[in-house]
Amino acid sequence: MGAGKTSVGQHLAHDMGWRFIDLDDRIVAADGRSVPEIFSTEGEAAFRAKETAALRALISELGEQPTVVALGGGAFAQAANVDLIRTTKVPVIFLDAPAEELMNRCRPQAGQRPLFQDENQFRQLYEQRRSAYMKADLCVDTCGRNVSEVASEVASLLGLAVPDEQKETHS
């Protein structure tokens, strides 16, 4: 939560000329309710079931078109989702930062983040999920860095070169 999955993913996809998909956006579109609404009316377990179903559908649709996918903060902490993702053989990148920085990034949207209730709960959630996140193929520290810097590092770690026509579209 707050690591920059969506922002960095969008930036990287734009740089590469690829499509970008946010899994939470797909869940919201399919359900017709926001993530906080799903959490408040059905609970986290129901949301996680919807998340797994959306991930399964997304993976079946990916095909050959290069795509950057941003998962919700809890998606990679669910064993069933990790199993699905690993079948794709695509690299998984964990965007990391200290819990304090992540909390500071999340505070302005605290009401839109159903699992951000208070600092203690946030830190506990971060610690609970961190061991799962560390199983990602790559870990990129986002602390004190802007979206462009992080996206550039991800591209570099993946051995991706930004096409010349895309370099000219960023200022």
Protein backbone atom coordinates (compact mmCIF):
# COMPACT_ATOMS: atom_id res chain seq x y z
CA MET A 1 0.00 0.00 0.00
CA GLY A 2 1.49 3.30 -1.11
CA ALA A 3 4.56 1.83 -2.79
CA GLY A 4 3.63 3.25 -6.20
CA LYS A 5 2.41 0.13 -8.01
CA THR A 6 -0.13 1.97 -10.13
CA SER A 7 1.91 5.13 -10.74
CA VAL A 8 5.13 3.29 -11.56
CA GLY A 9 3.26 0.69 -13.61
CA GLN A 10 1.51 3.36 -15.69
CA HIS A 11 4.77 5.21 -16.22
CA LEU A 12 6.67 2.07 -17.22
CA ALA A 13 3.90 0.97 -19.58
CA HIS A 14 3.84 4.42 -21.18
CA ASP A 15 7.63 4.45 -21.56
CA MET A 16 7.63 1.03 -23.21
CA GLY A 17 4.55 1.64 -25.37
CA TRP A 18 2.81 -1.25 -23.59
CA ARG A 19 -0.67 -1.48 -22.16
CA PHE A 20 -1.28 -1.05 -18.44
CA ILE A 21 -3.84 -2.91 -16.34
CA ASP A 22 -4.61 -2.28 -12.67
CA LEU A 23 -6.20 -5.38 -11.16
CA ASP A 24 -8.20 -3.34 -8.63
CA ASP A 25 -9.69 -1.30 -11.49
CA ARG A 26 -10.84 -4.53 -13.14
CA ILE A 27 -12.46 -5.68 -9.91
CA VAL A 28 -14.26 -2.34 -9.51
CA ALA A 29 -15.46 -2.40 -13.14
CA ALA A 30 -16.77 -5.95 -12.85
CA ASP A 31 -18.42 -5.43 -9.47
CA GLY A 32 -19.77 -1.91 -9.98
CA ARG A 33 -18.54 -0.85 -6.53
CA SER A 34 -15.34 0.66 -5.19
CA VAL A 35 -12.84 -1.43 -3.26
CA PRO A 36 -13.83 0.24 0.06
CA GLU A 37 -17.51 -0.51 -0.70
CA ILE A 38 -16.74 -4.17 -1.36
CA PHE A 39 -14.75 -4.39 1.87
CA SER A 40 -17.45 -2.69 3.93
CA THR A 41 -20.38 -4.69 2.56
CA GLU A 42 -18.82 -8.12 1.95
CA GLY A 43 -15.55 -8.13 3.87
CA GLU A 44 -11.97 -8.82 2.95
CA ALA A 45 -12.48 -12.55 2.23
CA ALA A 46 -15.08 -11.78 -0.44
CA PHE A 47 -12.81 -9.12 -1.95
CA ARG A 48 -9.90 -11.59 -2.07
CA ALA A 49 -12.12 -14.13 -3.87
CA LYS A 50 -13.04 -11.46 -6.44
CA GLU A 51 -9.37 -10.54 -6.74
CA THR A 52 -8.34 -14.14 -7.47
CA ALA A 53 -11.13 -14.52 -10.03
CA ALA A 54 -10.11 -11.26 -11.73
CA LEU A 55 -6.47 -12.33 -11.76
CA ARG A 56 -7.34 -15.71 -13.26
CA ALA A 57 -9.39 -13.99 -16.00
CA LEU A 58 -6.67 -11.45 -16.67
CA ILE A 59 -3.98 -14.10 -17.02
CA SER A 60 -6.13 -16.01 -19.51
CA GLU A 61 -6.48 -12.82 -21.59
CA LEU A 62 -2.87 -11.64 -21.59
CA GLY A 63 -1.66 -13.32 -24.75
CA GLU A 64 1.38 -11.85 -26.48
CA GLN A 65 0.65 -8.14 -26.04
CA PRO A 66 3.26 -6.68 -23.68
CA THR A 67 1.49 -5.58 -20.52
CA VAL A 68 2.36 -4.09 -17.15
CA VAL A 69 -0.04 -5.25 -14.44
CA ALA A 70 -0.37 -3.59 -11.04
CA LEU A 71 -1.69 -5.89 -8.36
CA GLY A 72 -3.40 -4.68 -5.22
CA GLY A 73 -1.27 -4.65 -2.07
CA GLY A 74 -2.65 -7.92 -0.76
CA ALA A 75 -2.77 -9.88 -4.00
CA PHE A 76 0.77 -11.27 -3.88
CA ALA A 77 0.32 -12.18 -0.21
CA GLN A 78 -2.33 -14.76 -1.19
CA ALA A 79 -0.89 -18.20 -2.02
CA ALA A 80 -3.50 -18.93 -4.69
CA ASN A 81 -2.60 -15.70 -6.50
CA VAL A 82 1.12 -16.40 -6.30
CA ASP A 83 0.51 -19.83 -7.84
CA LEU A 84 -1.48 -18.24 -10.69
CA ILE A 85 1.16 -15.58 -11.30
CA ARG A 86 4.01 -18.09 -11.32
CA THR A 87 2.31 -20.04 -14.12
CA THR A 88 2.85 -17.03 -16.39
CA LYS A 89 6.63 -17.05 -15.91
CA VAL A 90 6.63 -13.24 -16.00
CA PRO A 91 8.79 -11.33 -13.53
CA VAL A 92 7.22 -9.99 -10.36
CA ILE A 93 8.59 -6.72 -8.99
CA PHE A 94 8.15 -5.69 -5.36
CA LEU A 95 8.23 -1.92 -4.87
CA ASP A 96 9.42 -1.34 -1.33
CA ALA A 97 9.87 1.54 1.08
CA PRO A 98 9.96 1.86 4.86
CA ALA A 99 6.55 1.60 6.53
CA GLU A 100 6.76 5.22 7.68
CA GLU A 101 7.16 6.50 4.12
CA LEU A 102 4.36 4.27 2.85
CA MET A 103 2.04 5.57 5.58
CA ASN A 104 2.88 9.16 4.67
CA ARG A 105 2.03 8.44 1.04
CA CYS A 106 -1.27 6.78 2.00
CA ARG A 107 -2.56 9.32 4.53
CA PRO A 108 -4.17 11.66 1.96
CA GLN A 109 -6.28 8.75 0.61
CA ALA A 110 -6.81 6.95 3.94
CA GLY A 111 -10.60 6.85 3.45
CA GLN A 112 -10.16 5.12 0.09
CA ARG A 113 -7.88 2.43 1.53
CA PRO A 114 -9.95 -0.02 3.56
CA LEU A 115 -6.95 -1.60 5.27
CA PHE A 116 -5.42 1.71 6.39
CA GLN A 117 -7.13 2.30 9.71
CA ASP A 118 -4.29 3.54 11.91
CA GLU A 119 -0.49 3.52 12.11
CA ASN A 120 -0.23 0.43 14.30
CA GLN A 121 -2.52 -1.59 12.02
CA PHE A 122 -0.63 -0.34 8.95
CA ARG A 123 2.74 -1.42 10.38
CA GLN A 124 1.35 -4.84 11.34
CA LEU A 125 -0.07 -5.38 7.86
CA TYR A 126 3.22 -4.35 6.27
CA GLU A 127 5.18 -6.78 8.45
CA GLN A 128 2.69 -9.59 7.81
CA ARG A 129 2.91 -9.18 4.05
CA ARG A 130 6.60 -8.38 3.69
CA SER A 131 7.79 -12.00 3.74
CA ALA A 132 5.44 -12.78 0.85
CA TYR A 133 6.58 -9.68 -1.05
CA MET A 134 10.22 -10.70 -0.64
CA LYS A 135 9.47 -13.76 -2.81
CA ALA A 136 9.11 -11.46 -5.80
CA ASP A 137 11.74 -11.81 -8.52
CA LEU A 138 13.01 -8.26 -8.03
CA CYS A 139 12.82 -5.72 -5.23
CA VAL A 140 13.09 -1.99 -5.95
CA ASP A 141 13.45 0.58 -3.19
CA THR A 142 11.14 3.53 -3.85
CA CYS A 143 12.10 5.55 -0.76
CA GLY A 144 12.70 9.20 -1.59
CA ARG A 145 12.48 8.55 -5.33
CA ASN A 146 10.06 9.83 -7.93
CA VAL A 147 7.94 7.68 -10.22
CA SER A 148 10.18 8.23 -13.24
CA GLU A 149 13.31 7.12 -11.36
CA VAL A 150 11.63 3.96 -10.11
CA ALA A 151 10.16 3.10 -13.52
CA SER A 152 13.61 3.58 -15.10
CA GLU A 153 15.19 1.25 -12.55
CA VAL A 154 12.52 -1.39 -13.14
CA ALA A 155 13.08 -1.17 -16.90
CA SER A 156 16.84 -1.44 -16.41
CA LEU A 157 16.57 -4.44 -14.08
CA LEU A 158 14.33 -6.16 -16.62
CA GLY A 159 16.74 -5.37 -19.45
CA LEU A 160 14.17 -3.23 -21.24
CA ALA A 161 15.16 -0.35 -23.49
CA VAL A 162 12.71 2.51 -23.85
CA PRO A 163 11.85 2.95 -27.57
CA ASP A 164 13.15 6.23 -29.02
CA GLU A 165 9.64 7.42 -29.90
CA GLN A 166 8.59 6.98 -26.26
CA LYS A 167 11.62 8.88 -24.90
CA GLU A 168 10.42 11.99 -26.70
CA THR A 169 6.96 11.94 -25.09
CA HIS A 170 8.23 12.54 -21.54
CA SER A 171 9.38 15.96 -20.49
